[in-house]
């Protein structure tokens, strides 16, 4: 199943709380910068970010894969899923 990776520019915890309330998201995993098994390279993380979320995995909508990720003429990977409301999502990997 495709897994989108989103960035929240230091506001990940706020986003997670919103998704939990609005969509009933379930936090499957969460790691803060201070919990990382390897420290980030110098200058890659803003000072004071120890309690910010580095990685998290949320389970949202329990949908279905409509087209598995695969190579296409327009992207390195492309796939389609539908959430539990039938809303279609397209995932494109360009780089």
PDB file of N, CA and C in Angstrom:
ATOM      1  N   UNK A   1       0.848  -1.177   0.000  1.00  0.00           N
ATOM      2  CA  UNK A   1       0.000   0.000   0.000  1.00  0.00           C
ATOM      3  C   UNK A   1       0.888   1.233   0.000  1.00  0.00           C
ATOM      4  N   UNK A   2       0.609   2.220  -0.828  1.00  0.00           N
ATOM      5  CA  UNK A   2       1.394   3.448  -0.861  1.00  0.00           C
ATOM      6  C   UNK A   2       1.311   4.176   0.475  1.00  0.00           C
ATOM      7  N   UNK A   3       2.412   4.785   0.855  1.00  0.00           N
ATOM      8  CA  UNK A   3       2.459   5.555   2.086  1.00  0.00           C
ATOM      9  C   UNK A   3       2.935   6.965   1.773  1.00  0.00           C
ATOM     10  N   UNK A   4       2.051   7.948   1.866  1.00  0.00           N
ATOM     11  CA  UNK A   4       2.499   9.324   1.641  1.00  0.00           C
ATOM     12  C   UNK A   4       3.355   9.794   2.811  1.00  0.00           C
ATOM     13  N   UNK A   5       4.333  10.620   2.533  1.00  0.00           N
ATOM     14  CA  UNK A   5       5.214  11.174   3.569  1.00  0.00           C
ATOM     15  C   UNK A   5       5.045  12.677   3.524  1.00  0.00           C
ATOM     16  N   UNK A   6       4.526  13.245   4.590  1.00  0.00           N
ATOM     17  CA  UNK A   6       4.218  14.669   4.636  1.00  0.00           C
ATOM     18  C   UNK A   6       5.167  15.396   5.571  1.00  0.00           C
ATOM     19  N   UNK A   7       5.420  16.666   5.288  1.00  0.00           N
ATOM     20  CA  UNK A   7       6.265  17.516   6.121  1.00  0.00           C
ATOM     21  C   UNK A   7       5.421  18.665   6.649  1.00  0.00           C
ATOM     22  N   UNK A   8       5.595  19.011   7.926  1.00  0.00           N
ATOM     23  CA  UNK A   8       4.773  20.041   8.554  1.00  0.00           C
ATOM     24  C   UNK A   8       5.578  21.201   9.114  1.00  0.00           C
ATOM     25  N   UNK A   9       6.837  21.321   8.772  1.00  0.00           N
ATOM     26  CA  UNK A   9       7.677  22.463   9.134  1.00  0.00           C
ATOM     27  C   UNK A   9       7.566  22.812  10.620  1.00  0.00           C
ATOM     28  N   UNK A  10       7.778  21.817  11.478  1.00  0.00           N
ATOM     29  CA  UNK A  10       7.769  22.039  12.916  1.00  0.00           C
ATOM     30  C   UNK A  10       6.400  21.992  13.566  1.00  0.00           C
ATOM     31  N   UNK A  11       5.344  21.733  12.791  1.00  0.00           N
ATOM     32  CA  UNK A  11       3.973  21.727  13.329  1.00  0.00           C
ATOM     33  C   UNK A  11       3.324  20.341  13.256  1.00  0.00           C
ATOM     34  N   UNK A  12       4.147  19.319  13.232  1.00  0.00           N
ATOM     35  CA  UNK A  12       3.647  17.953  13.084  1.00  0.00           C
ATOM     36  C   UNK A  12       2.723  17.544  14.232  1.00  0.00           C
ATOM     37  N   UNK A  13       3.091  17.891  15.451  1.00  0.00           N
ATOM     38  CA  UNK A  13       2.253  17.499  16.587  1.00  0.00           C
ATOM     39  C   UNK A  13       0.854  18.115  16.474  1.00  0.00           C
ATOM     40  N   UNK A  14       0.800  19.368  16.055  1.00  0.00           N
ATOM     41  CA  UNK A  14      -0.487  20.042  15.846  1.00  0.00           C
ATOM     42  C   UNK A  14      -1.301  19.333  14.763  1.00  0.00           C
ATOM     43  N   UNK A  15      -0.634  18.944  13.677  1.00  0.00           N
ATOM     44  CA  UNK A  15      -1.314  18.243  12.583  1.00  0.00           C
ATOM     45  C   UNK A  15      -1.840  16.889  13.050  1.00  0.00           C
ATOM     46  N   UNK A  16      -1.036  16.161  13.811  1.00  0.00           N
ATOM     47  CA  UNK A  16      -1.472  14.852  14.308  1.00  0.00           C
ATOM     48  C   UNK A  16      -2.710  14.998  15.180  1.00  0.00           C
ATOM     49  N   UNK A  17      -2.706  15.967  16.066  1.00  0.00           N
ATOM     50  CA  UNK A  17      -3.866  16.179  16.936  1.00  0.00           C
ATOM     51  C   UNK A  17      -5.113  16.515  16.113  1.00  0.00           C
ATOM     52  N   UNK A  18      -4.931  17.312  15.070  1.00  0.00           N
ATOM     53  CA  UNK A  18      -6.058  17.634  14.193  1.00  0.00           C
ATOM     54  C   UNK A  18      -6.590  16.378  13.514  1.00  0.00           C
ATOM     55  N   UNK A  19      -5.699  15.557  12.937  1.00  0.00           N
ATOM     56  CA  UNK A  19      -6.134  14.346  12.244  1.00  0.00           C
ATOM     57  C   UNK A  19      -6.792  13.353  13.199  1.00  0.00           C
ATOM     58  N   UNK A  20      -6.321  13.304  14.429  1.00  0.00           N
ATOM     59  CA  UNK A  20      -6.956  12.428  15.420  1.00  0.00           C
ATOM     60  C   UNK A  20      -8.392  12.869  15.685  1.00  0.00           C
ATOM     61  N   UNK A  21      -8.599  14.169  15.864  1.00  0.00           N
ATOM     62  CA  UNK A  21      -9.940  14.680  16.154  1.00  0.00           C
ATOM     63  C   UNK A  21     -10.844  14.667  14.926  1.00  0.00           C
ATOM     64  N   UNK A  22     -10.323  15.135  13.796  1.00  0.00           N
ATOM     65  CA  UNK A  22     -11.150  15.299  12.597  1.00  0.00           C
ATOM     66  C   UNK A  22     -11.423  13.991  11.863  1.00  0.00           C
ATOM     67  N   UNK A  23     -10.428  13.090  11.842  1.00  0.00           N
ATOM     68  CA  UNK A  23     -10.565  11.879  11.035  1.00  0.00           C
ATOM     69  C   UNK A  23     -10.491  10.586  11.835  1.00  0.00           C
ATOM     70  N   UNK A  24     -10.311  10.710  13.133  1.00  0.00           N
ATOM     71  CA  UNK A  24     -10.181   9.500  13.945  1.00  0.00           C
ATOM     72  C   UNK A  24      -8.875   8.775  13.704  1.00  0.00           C
ATOM     73  N   UNK A  25      -7.829   9.514  13.334  1.00  0.00           N
ATOM     74  CA  UNK A  25      -6.532   8.899  13.053  1.00  0.00           C
ATOM     75  C   UNK A  25      -5.980   8.210  14.287  1.00  0.00           C
ATOM     76  N   UNK A  26      -5.291   7.120  14.059  1.00  0.00           N
ATOM     77  CA  UNK A  26      -4.654   6.362  15.127  1.00  0.00           C
ATOM     78  C   UNK A  26      -3.140   6.457  14.950  1.00  0.00           C
ATOM     79  N   UNK A  27      -2.438   6.884  15.989  1.00  0.00           N
ATOM     80  CA  UNK A  27      -0.982   6.989  15.933  1.00  0.00           C
ATOM     81  C   UNK A  27      -0.400   5.589  16.112  1.00  0.00           C
ATOM     82  N   UNK A  28       0.268   5.096  15.077  1.00  0.00           N
ATOM     83  CA  UNK A  28       0.871   3.763  15.123  1.00  0.00           C
ATOM     84  C   UNK A  28       2.317   3.824  15.615  1.00  0.00           C
ATOM     85  N   UNK A  29       3.004   4.944  15.338  1.00  0.00           N
ATOM     86  CA  UNK A  29       4.390   5.120  15.745  1.00  0.00           C
ATOM     87  C   UNK A  29       4.678   6.614  15.765  1.00  0.00           C
ATOM     88  N   UNK A  30       5.516   7.044  16.716  1.00  0.00           N
ATOM     89  CA  UNK A  30       5.931   8.439  16.758  1.00  0.00           C
ATOM     90  C   UNK A  30       7.315   8.507  17.383  1.00  0.00           C
ATOM     91  N   UNK A  31       8.218   9.237  16.733  1.00  0.00           N
ATOM     92  CA  UNK A  31       9.582   9.401  17.229  1.00  0.00           C
ATOM     93  C   UNK A  31       9.940  10.881  17.226  1.00  0.00           C
ATOM     94  N   UNK A  32      10.396  11.354  18.350  1.00  0.00           N
ATOM     95  CA  UNK A  32      10.872  12.733  18.461  1.00  0.00           C
ATOM     96  C   UNK A  32      12.363  12.765  18.130  1.00  0.00           C
ATOM     97  N   UNK A  33      12.861  13.947  17.769  1.00  0.00           N
ATOM     98  CA  UNK A  33      14.274  14.070  17.415  1.00  0.00           C
ATOM     99  C   UNK A  33      15.174  13.549  18.522  1.00  0.00           C
ATOM    100  N   UNK A  34      14.825  13.801  19.787  1.00  0.00           N
ATOM    101  CA  UNK A  34      15.664  13.352  20.901  1.00  0.00           C
ATOM    102  C   UNK A  34      15.685  11.832  21.048  1.00  0.00           C
ATOM    103  N   UNK A  35      14.759  11.132  20.395  1.00  0.00           N
ATOM    104  CA  UNK A  35      14.682   9.675  20.474  1.00  0.00           C
ATOM    105  C   UNK A  35      15.371   8.972  19.301  1.00  0.00           C
ATOM    106  N   UNK A  36      15.889   9.743  18.371  1.00  0.00           N
ATOM    107  CA  UNK A  36      16.520   9.171  17.180  1.00  0.00           C
ATOM    108  C   UNK A  36      17.752   8.345  17.564  1.00  0.00           C
ATOM    109  N   UNK A  37      17.911   7.155  16.970  1.00  0.00           N
ATOM    110  CA  UNK A  37      19.100   6.347  17.268  1.00  0.00           C
ATOM    111  C   UNK A  37      20.388   6.982  16.733  1.00  0.00           C
ATOM    112  N   UNK A  38      20.257   7.871  15.750  1.00  0.00           N
ATOM    113  CA  UNK A  38      21.413   8.599  15.213  1.00  0.00           C
ATOM    114  C   UNK A  38      21.103  10.080  15.221  1.00  0.00           C
ATOM    115  N   UNK A  39      22.008  10.895  15.737  1.00  0.00           N
ATOM    116  CA  UNK A  39      21.755  12.343  15.725  1.00  0.00           C
ATOM    117  C   UNK A  39      21.791  12.876  14.295  1.00  0.00           C
ATOM    118  N   UNK A  40      20.967  13.895  14.000  1.00  0.00           N
ATOM    119  CA  UNK A  40      20.998  14.480  12.652  1.00  0.00           C
ATOM    120  C   UNK A  40      22.316  15.201  12.415  1.00  0.00           C
ATOM    121  N   UNK A  41      22.746  15.323  11.162  1.00  0.00           N
ATOM    122  CA  UNK A  41      23.979  16.051  10.859  1.00  0.00           C
ATOM    123  C   UNK A  41      23.881  17.497  11.357  1.00  0.00           C
ATOM    124  N   UNK A  42      24.995  18.078  11.755  1.00  0.00           N
ATOM    125  CA  UNK A  42      24.988  19.463  12.242  1.00  0.00           C
ATOM    126  C   UNK A  42      24.345  20.412  11.233  1.00  0.00           C
ATOM    127  N   UNK A  43      23.475  21.285  11.732  1.00  0.00           N
ATOM    128  CA  UNK A  43      22.824  22.281  10.889  1.00  0.00           C
ATOM    129  C   UNK A  43      21.568  21.804  10.185  1.00  0.00           C
ATOM    130  N   UNK A  44      21.226  20.514  10.294  1.00  0.00           N
ATOM    131  CA  UNK A  44      20.045  19.982   9.598  1.00  0.00           C
ATOM    132  C   UNK A  44      18.751  20.207  10.376  1.00  0.00           C
ATOM    133  N   UNK A  45      18.849  20.378  11.686  1.00  0.00           N
ATOM    134  CA  UNK A  45      17.677  20.552  12.531  1.00  0.00           C
ATOM    135  C   UNK A  45      17.852  21.831  13.346  1.00  0.00           C
ATOM    136  N   UNK A  46      16.805  22.620  13.420  1.00  0.00           N
ATOM    137  CA  UNK A  46      16.868  23.888  14.162  1.00  0.00           C
ATOM    138  C   UNK A  46      17.120  23.633  15.645  1.00  0.00           C
ATOM    139  N   UNK A  47      17.913  24.507  16.289  1.00  0.00           N
ATOM    140  CA  UNK A  47      18.129  24.367  17.734  1.00  0.00           C
ATOM    141  C   UNK A  47      16.791  24.384  18.476  1.00  0.00           C
ATOM    142  N   UNK A  48      16.700  23.592  19.546  1.00  0.00           N
ATOM    143  CA  UNK A  48      15.474  23.526  20.323  1.00  0.00           C
ATOM    144  C   UNK A  48      14.422  22.592  19.752  1.00  0.00           C
ATOM    145  N   UNK A  49      14.798  21.741  18.815  1.00  0.00           N
ATOM    146  CA  UNK A  49      13.839  20.836  18.169  1.00  0.00           C
ATOM    147  C   UNK A  49      13.780  19.455  18.805  1.00  0.00           C
ATOM    148  N   UNK A  50      14.433  19.269  19.947  1.00  0.00           N
ATOM    149  CA  UNK A  50      14.490  17.936  20.568  1.00  0.00           C
ATOM    150  C   UNK A  50      13.120  17.300  20.765  1.00  0.00           C
ATOM    151  N   UNK A  51      12.115  18.086  21.131  1.00  0.00           N
ATOM    152  CA  UNK A  51      10.784  17.536  21.379  1.00  0.00           C
ATOM    153  C   UNK A  51       9.883  17.560  20.151  1.00  0.00           C
ATOM    154  N   UNK A  52      10.387  18.064  19.039  1.00  0.00           N
ATOM    155  CA  UNK A  52       9.598  18.055  17.796  1.00  0.00           C
ATOM    156  C   UNK A  52       9.549  16.632  17.248  1.00  0.00           C
ATOM    157  N   UNK A  53       8.516  16.339  16.487  1.00  0.00           N
ATOM    158  CA  UNK A  53       8.341  14.999  15.932  1.00  0.00           C
ATOM    159  C   UNK A  53       9.167  14.843  14.659  1.00  0.00           C
ATOM    160  N   UNK A  54       9.966  13.801  14.649  1.00  0.00           N
ATOM    161  CA  UNK A  54      10.837  13.495  13.502  1.00  0.00           C
ATOM    162  C   UNK A  54      10.108  12.597  12.502  1.00  0.00           C
ATOM    163  N   UNK A  55       9.491  11.535  13.006  1.00  0.00           N
ATOM    164  CA  UNK A  55       8.742  10.578  12.183  1.00  0.00           C
ATOM    165  C   UNK A  55       7.488  10.159  12.939  1.00  0.00           C
ATOM    166  N   UNK A  56       6.444   9.902  12.188  1.00  0.00           N
ATOM    167  CA  UNK A  56       5.217   9.395  12.773  1.00  0.00           C
ATOM    168  C   UNK A  56       4.488   8.583  11.716  1.00  0.00           C
ATOM    169  N   UNK A  57       3.709   7.641  12.175  1.00  0.00           N
ATOM    170  CA  UNK A  57       2.891   6.846  11.272  1.00  0.00           C
ATOM    171  C   UNK A  57       1.463   6.882  11.796  1.00  0.00           C
ATOM    172  N   UNK A  58       0.546   7.338  10.946  1.00  0.00           N
ATOM    173  CA  UNK A  58      -0.863   7.419  11.312  1.00  0.00           C
ATOM    174  C   UNK A  58      -1.676   6.491  10.426  1.00  0.00           C
ATOM    175  N   UNK A  59      -2.672   5.868  11.013  1.00  0.00           N
ATOM    176  CA  UNK A  59      -3.624   5.076  10.247  1.00  0.00           C
ATOM    177  C   UNK A  59      -4.877   5.930  10.104  1.00  0.00           C
ATOM    178  N   UNK A  60      -5.229   6.305   8.847  1.00  0.00           N
ATOM    179  CA  UNK A  60      -6.358   7.190   8.577  1.00  0.00           C
ATOM    180  C   UNK A  60      -7.249   6.569   7.504  1.00  0.00           C
ATOM    181  N   UNK A  61      -8.506   6.507   7.705  1.00  0.00           N
ATOM    182  CA  UNK A  61      -9.556   6.251   6.707  1.00  0.00           C
ATOM    183  C   UNK A  61      -9.749   4.816   6.263  1.00  0.00           C
ATOM    184  N   UNK A  62      -8.819   3.929   6.453  1.00  0.00           N
ATOM    185  CA  UNK A  62      -8.975   2.511   6.101  1.00  0.00           C
ATOM    186  C   UNK A  62      -9.616   2.341   4.719  1.00  0.00           C
ATOM    187  N   UNK A  63      -8.887   2.747   3.706  1.00  0.00           N
ATOM    188  CA  UNK A  63      -9.401   2.721   2.343  1.00  0.00           C
ATOM    189  C   UNK A  63      -8.957   1.509   1.564  1.00  0.00           C
ATOM    190  N   UNK A  64      -8.807   1.713   0.258  1.00  0.00           N
ATOM    191  CA  UNK A  64      -8.418   0.618  -0.624  1.00  0.00           C
ATOM    192  C   UNK A  64      -7.451   1.115  -1.689  1.00  0.00           C
ATOM    193  N   UNK A  65      -6.569   0.233  -2.110  1.00  0.00           N
ATOM    194  CA  UNK A  65      -5.652   0.533  -3.198  1.00  0.00           C
ATOM    195  C   UNK A  65      -6.407   0.322  -4.499  1.00  0.00           C
ATOM    196  N   UNK A  66      -6.422   1.349  -5.350  1.00  0.00           N
ATOM    197  CA  UNK A  66      -7.100   1.223  -6.654  1.00  0.00           C
ATOM    198  C   UNK A  66      -6.098   0.989  -7.775  1.00  0.00           C
ATOM    199  N   UNK A  67      -4.878   1.462  -7.567  1.00  0.00           N
ATOM    200  CA  UNK A  67      -3.802   1.213  -8.532  1.00  0.00           C
ATOM    201  C   UNK A  67      -2.499   1.194  -7.746  1.00  0.00           C
ATOM    202  N   UNK A  68      -1.851   0.037  -7.622  1.00  0.00           N
ATOM    203  CA  UNK A  68      -0.603  -0.042  -6.857  1.00  0.00           C
ATOM    204  C   UNK A  68       0.469   0.878  -7.458  1.00  0.00           C
ATOM    205  N   UNK A  69       1.401   1.319  -6.605  1.00  0.00           N
ATOM    206  CA  UNK A  69       2.492   2.160  -7.099  1.00  0.00           C
ATOM    207  C   UNK A  69       3.270   1.428  -8.179  1.00  0.00           C
ATOM    208  N   UNK A  70       3.565   2.135  -9.251  1.00  0.00           N
ATOM    209  CA  UNK A  70       4.336   1.554 -10.340  1.00  0.00           C
ATOM    210  C   UNK A  70       4.933   2.637 -11.214  1.00  0.00           C
ATOM    211  N   UNK A  71       5.922   2.268 -12.010  1.00  0.00           N
ATOM    212  CA  UNK A  71       6.581   3.205 -12.917  1.00  0.00           C
ATOM    213  C   UNK A  71       5.631   3.572 -14.055  1.00  0.00           C
ATOM    214  N   UNK A  72       5.640   4.862 -14.430  1.00  0.00           N
ATOM    215  CA  UNK A  72       4.840   5.329 -15.558  1.00  0.00           C
ATOM    216  C   UNK A  72       5.705   6.211 -16.441  1.00  0.00           C
ATOM    217  N   UNK A  73       5.177   6.611 -17.579  1.00  0.00           N
ATOM    218  CA  UNK A  73       5.940   7.481 -18.472  1.00  0.00           C
ATOM    219  C   UNK A  73       6.085   8.891 -17.907  1.00  0.00           C
ATOM    220  N   UNK A  74       5.254   9.271 -16.945  1.00  0.00           N
ATOM    221  CA  UNK A  74       5.276  10.634 -16.412  1.00  0.00           C
ATOM    222  C   UNK A  74       5.813  10.730 -14.984  1.00  0.00           C
ATOM    223  N   UNK A  75       6.122   9.616 -14.347  1.00  0.00           N
ATOM    224  CA  UNK A  75       6.632   9.655 -12.973  1.00  0.00           C
ATOM    225  C   UNK A  75       7.406   8.385 -12.662  1.00  0.00           C
ATOM    226  N   UNK A  76       8.322   8.483 -11.696  1.00  0.00           N
ATOM    227  CA  UNK A  76       9.048   7.285 -11.268  1.00  0.00           C
ATOM    228  C   UNK A  76       8.096   6.280 -10.632  1.00  0.00           C
ATOM    229  N   UNK A  77       7.117   6.792  -9.917  1.00  0.00           N
ATOM    230  CA  UNK A  77       6.081   5.947  -9.321  1.00  0.00           C
ATOM    231  C   UNK A  77       4.761   6.711  -9.324  1.00  0.00           C
ATOM    232  N   UNK A  78       3.681   5.998  -9.573  1.00  0.00           N
ATOM    233  CA  UNK A  78       2.346   6.579  -9.541  1.00  0.00           C
ATOM    234  C   UNK A  78       1.387   5.521  -9.024  1.00  0.00           C
ATOM    235  N   UNK A  79       0.440   5.924  -8.184  1.00  0.00           N
ATOM    236  CA  UNK A  79      -0.560   4.995  -7.686  1.00  0.00           C
ATOM    237  C   UNK A  79      -1.803   5.741  -7.252  1.00  0.00           C
ATOM    238  N   UNK A  80      -2.879   4.997  -7.036  1.00  0.00           N
ATOM    239  CA  UNK A  80      -4.135   5.613  -6.606  1.00  0.00           C
ATOM    240  C   UNK A  80      -4.736   4.799  -5.468  1.00  0.00           C
ATOM    241  N   UNK A  81      -5.301   5.515  -4.495  1.00  0.00           N
ATOM    242  CA  UNK A  81      -6.014   4.897  -3.391  1.00  0.00           C
ATOM    243  C   UNK A  81      -7.336   5.638  -3.191  1.00  0.00           C
ATOM    244  N   UNK A  82      -8.235   5.037  -2.451  1.00  0.00           N
ATOM    245  CA  UNK A  82      -9.487   5.699  -2.070  1.00  0.00           C
ATOM    246  C   UNK A  82      -9.605   5.583  -0.564  1.00  0.00           C
ATOM    247  N   UNK A  83     -10.007   6.681   0.087  1.00  0.00           N
ATOM    248  CA  UNK A  83     -10.204   6.620   1.527  1.00  0.00           C
ATOM    249  C   UNK A  83     -11.558   5.993   1.841  1.00  0.00           C
ATOM    250  N   UNK A  84     -11.877   5.882   3.117  1.00  0.00           N
ATOM    251  CA  UNK A  84     -13.114   5.194   3.498  1.00  0.00           C
ATOM    252  C   UNK A  84     -14.379   5.907   3.046  1.00  0.00           C
ATOM    253  N   UNK A  85     -14.237   7.161   2.566  1.00  0.00           N
ATOM    254  CA  UNK A  85     -15.379   7.910   2.059  1.00  0.00           C
ATOM    255  C   UNK A  85     -15.486   7.823   0.544  1.00  0.00           C
ATOM    256  N   UNK A  86     -14.590   7.076  -0.077  1.00  0.00           N
ATOM    257  CA  UNK A  86     -14.591   6.943  -1.523  1.00  0.00           C
ATOM    258  C   UNK A  86     -13.852   8.043  -2.249  1.00  0.00           C
ATOM    259  N   UNK A  87     -13.196   8.927  -1.499  1.00  0.00           N
ATOM    260  CA  UNK A  87     -12.437  10.022  -2.112  1.00  0.00           C
ATOM    261  C   UNK A  87     -11.126   9.455  -2.643  1.00  0.00           C
ATOM    262  N   UNK A  88     -10.873   9.713  -3.926  1.00  0.00           N
ATOM    263  CA  UNK A  88      -9.654   9.222  -4.557  1.00  0.00           C
ATOM    264  C   UNK A  88      -8.442  10.087  -4.265  1.00  0.00           C
ATOM    265  N   UNK A  89      -7.313   9.449  -4.024  1.00  0.00           N
ATOM    266  CA  UNK A  89      -6.036  10.129  -3.804  1.00  0.00           C
ATOM    267  C   UNK A  89      -5.043   9.582  -4.825  1.00  0.00           C
ATOM    268  N   UNK A  90      -4.259  10.462  -5.419  1.00  0.00           N
ATOM    269  CA  UNK A  90      -3.211  10.045  -6.353  1.00  0.00           C
ATOM    270  C   UNK A  90      -1.864  10.344  -5.714  1.00  0.00           C
ATOM    271  N   UNK A  91      -0.946   9.400  -5.823  1.00  0.00           N
ATOM    272  CA  UNK A  91       0.395   9.573  -5.288  1.00  0.00           C
ATOM    273  C   UNK A  91       1.359   9.545  -6.459  1.00  0.00           C
ATOM    274  N   UNK A  92       2.152  10.612  -6.562  1.00  0.00           N
ATOM    275  CA  UNK A  92       3.138  10.726  -7.639  1.00  0.00           C
ATOM    276  C   UNK A  92       4.515  10.915  -7.028  1.00  0.00           C
ATOM    277  N   UNK A  93       5.468  10.091  -7.445  1.00  0.00           N
ATOM    278  CA  UNK A  93       6.861  10.234  -7.018  1.00  0.00           C
ATOM    279  C   UNK A  93       7.638  10.700  -8.235  1.00  0.00           C
ATOM    280  N   UNK A  94       8.121  11.941  -8.155  1.00  0.00           N
ATOM    281  CA  UNK A  94       8.806  12.520  -9.312  1.00  0.00           C
ATOM    282  C   UNK A  94      10.321  12.421  -9.235  1.00  0.00           C
ATOM    283  N   UNK A  95      10.859  12.397  -8.021  1.00  0.00           N
ATOM    284  CA  UNK A  95      12.322  12.413  -7.890  1.00  0.00           C
ATOM    285  C   UNK A  95      12.862  11.038  -7.611  1.00  0.00           C
TER     286      UNK A  95
END
